[in-house]
Protein backbone atom coordinates (compact mmCIF):
# COMPACT_ATOMS: atom_id res chain seq x y z
CA MET A 1 0.27 0.29 0.18
CA LEU A 2 2.91 2.72 1.08
CA ASP A 3 4.59 1.54 -2.39
CA ARG A 4 1.52 2.46 -4.58
CA ARG A 5 1.09 5.73 -2.34
CA ILE A 6 4.46 6.89 -3.23
CA GLU A 7 4.00 6.29 -6.28
CA LEU A 8 1.26 8.33 -6.52
CA ILE A 9 2.89 11.02 -4.86
CA PHE A 10 5.41 11.21 -7.24
CA GLU A 11 2.89 11.09 -10.44
CA GLU A 12 1.75 14.14 -9.02
CA MET A 13 4.98 15.76 -8.09
CA GLU A 14 6.13 15.30 -11.60
CA ARG A 15 2.42 16.93 -13.06
CA ASN A 16 3.28 19.96 -10.51
CA HIS A 17 6.77 20.13 -11.46
CA PRO A 18 7.36 19.33 -15.14
CA GLU A 19 11.05 20.63 -14.25
CA PHE A 20 12.05 17.43 -12.26
CA SER A 21 11.73 15.33 -16.15
CA GLN A 22 14.75 18.23 -17.20
CA GLU A 23 16.15 17.43 -13.85
CA GLU A 24 16.15 13.39 -15.17
CA ALA A 25 17.11 14.28 -18.43
CA GLU A 26 20.19 15.48 -17.16
CA LEU A 27 21.33 12.92 -14.73
CA SER A 28 21.18 10.36 -17.59
CA HIS A 29 23.27 12.81 -19.73
CA ILE A 30 25.57 13.09 -17.06
CA ARG A 31 25.59 9.08 -17.08
CA ASP A 32 25.85 8.87 -20.55
CA GLU A 33 29.27 11.35 -20.64
CA ILE A 34 30.68 8.90 -17.62
CA GLU A 35 30.14 5.95 -19.47
CA GLN A 36 31.55 7.50 -22.55
CA ASP A 37 34.53 9.48 -20.92
CA PRO A 38 38.13 7.93 -22.53
CA LEU A 39 40.09 9.50 -19.34
CA LEU A 40 37.82 7.97 -16.89
CA GLY A 41 39.02 4.06 -16.62
CA PRO A 42 36.80 1.16 -15.95
CA ALA A 43 37.45 0.86 -12.61
CA GLY A 44 36.62 4.81 -11.82
CA LYS A 45 33.29 4.30 -14.33
CA LYS A 46 32.42 1.81 -11.88
CA LYS A 47 33.15 3.58 -8.65
CA MET A 48 30.90 6.76 -9.93
CA GLN A 49 28.28 4.65 -10.95
CA GLU A 50 28.50 2.85 -7.82
CA TYR A 51 28.47 6.32 -6.16
CA ILE A 52 25.30 7.50 -7.86
CA CYS A 53 23.36 4.42 -7.10
CA PHE A 54 24.50 4.36 -3.77
CA LEU A 55 22.91 8.12 -3.50
CA SER A 56 19.82 7.39 -5.08
CA ARG A 57 18.97 4.57 -3.17
CA MET A 58 19.74 6.84 0.44
CA GLU A 59 18.04 9.48 -0.93
CA GLN A 60 14.89 7.15 -1.88
CA ARG A 61 15.30 5.96 1.95
CA HIS A 62 15.07 9.36 3.36
CA ASN A 63 12.21 10.20 1.02
CA ILE A 64 10.09 7.32 2.41
CA HIS A 65 11.36 7.71 6.18
CA LEU A 66 9.85 11.97 5.51
CA TYR A 67 6.69 10.44 4.03
CA CYS A 68 6.09 8.11 6.98
CA GLN A 69 7.17 10.42 9.60
CA GLY A 70 4.55 13.12 8.16
CA ALA A 71 2.11 10.59 8.23
CA LYS A 72 2.93 10.14 11.95
CA ASP A 73 3.28 13.84 12.50
CA CYS A 74 -0.69 14.10 10.73
CA VAL A 75 -1.97 11.46 13.02
CA ARG A 76 -0.55 13.14 16.17
CA MET A 77 -1.69 16.41 15.16
CA LEU A 78 -5.27 14.39 14.66
CA ARG A 79 -5.40 12.99 17.83
CA GLU A 80 -4.43 16.55 19.74
CA LEU A 81 -7.41 18.22 17.85
CA GLY A 82 -9.74 15.59 19.10
CA VAL A 83 -10.01 14.90 15.39
CA ILE A 84 -9.11 11.04 15.81
CA LEU A 85 -9.23 8.87 18.51
């Protein structure tokens, strides 16, 4: 259920912020440049890709944590207001 909700949030975010698609395209371009860079050896390319993947995973976990924390905070506030028990 959480995965589907996050997917819907990202879809809404993309509709409301079309510049995100441009940023994704820029990231893809940078990734292609890394792959094609003749000065960056295979080990360097691999390390750069690992870094990008690791950073992406960290960011995703961070975003999920913030989403869950926001839901918890919302429930807590609704309880404090007496809207829910």
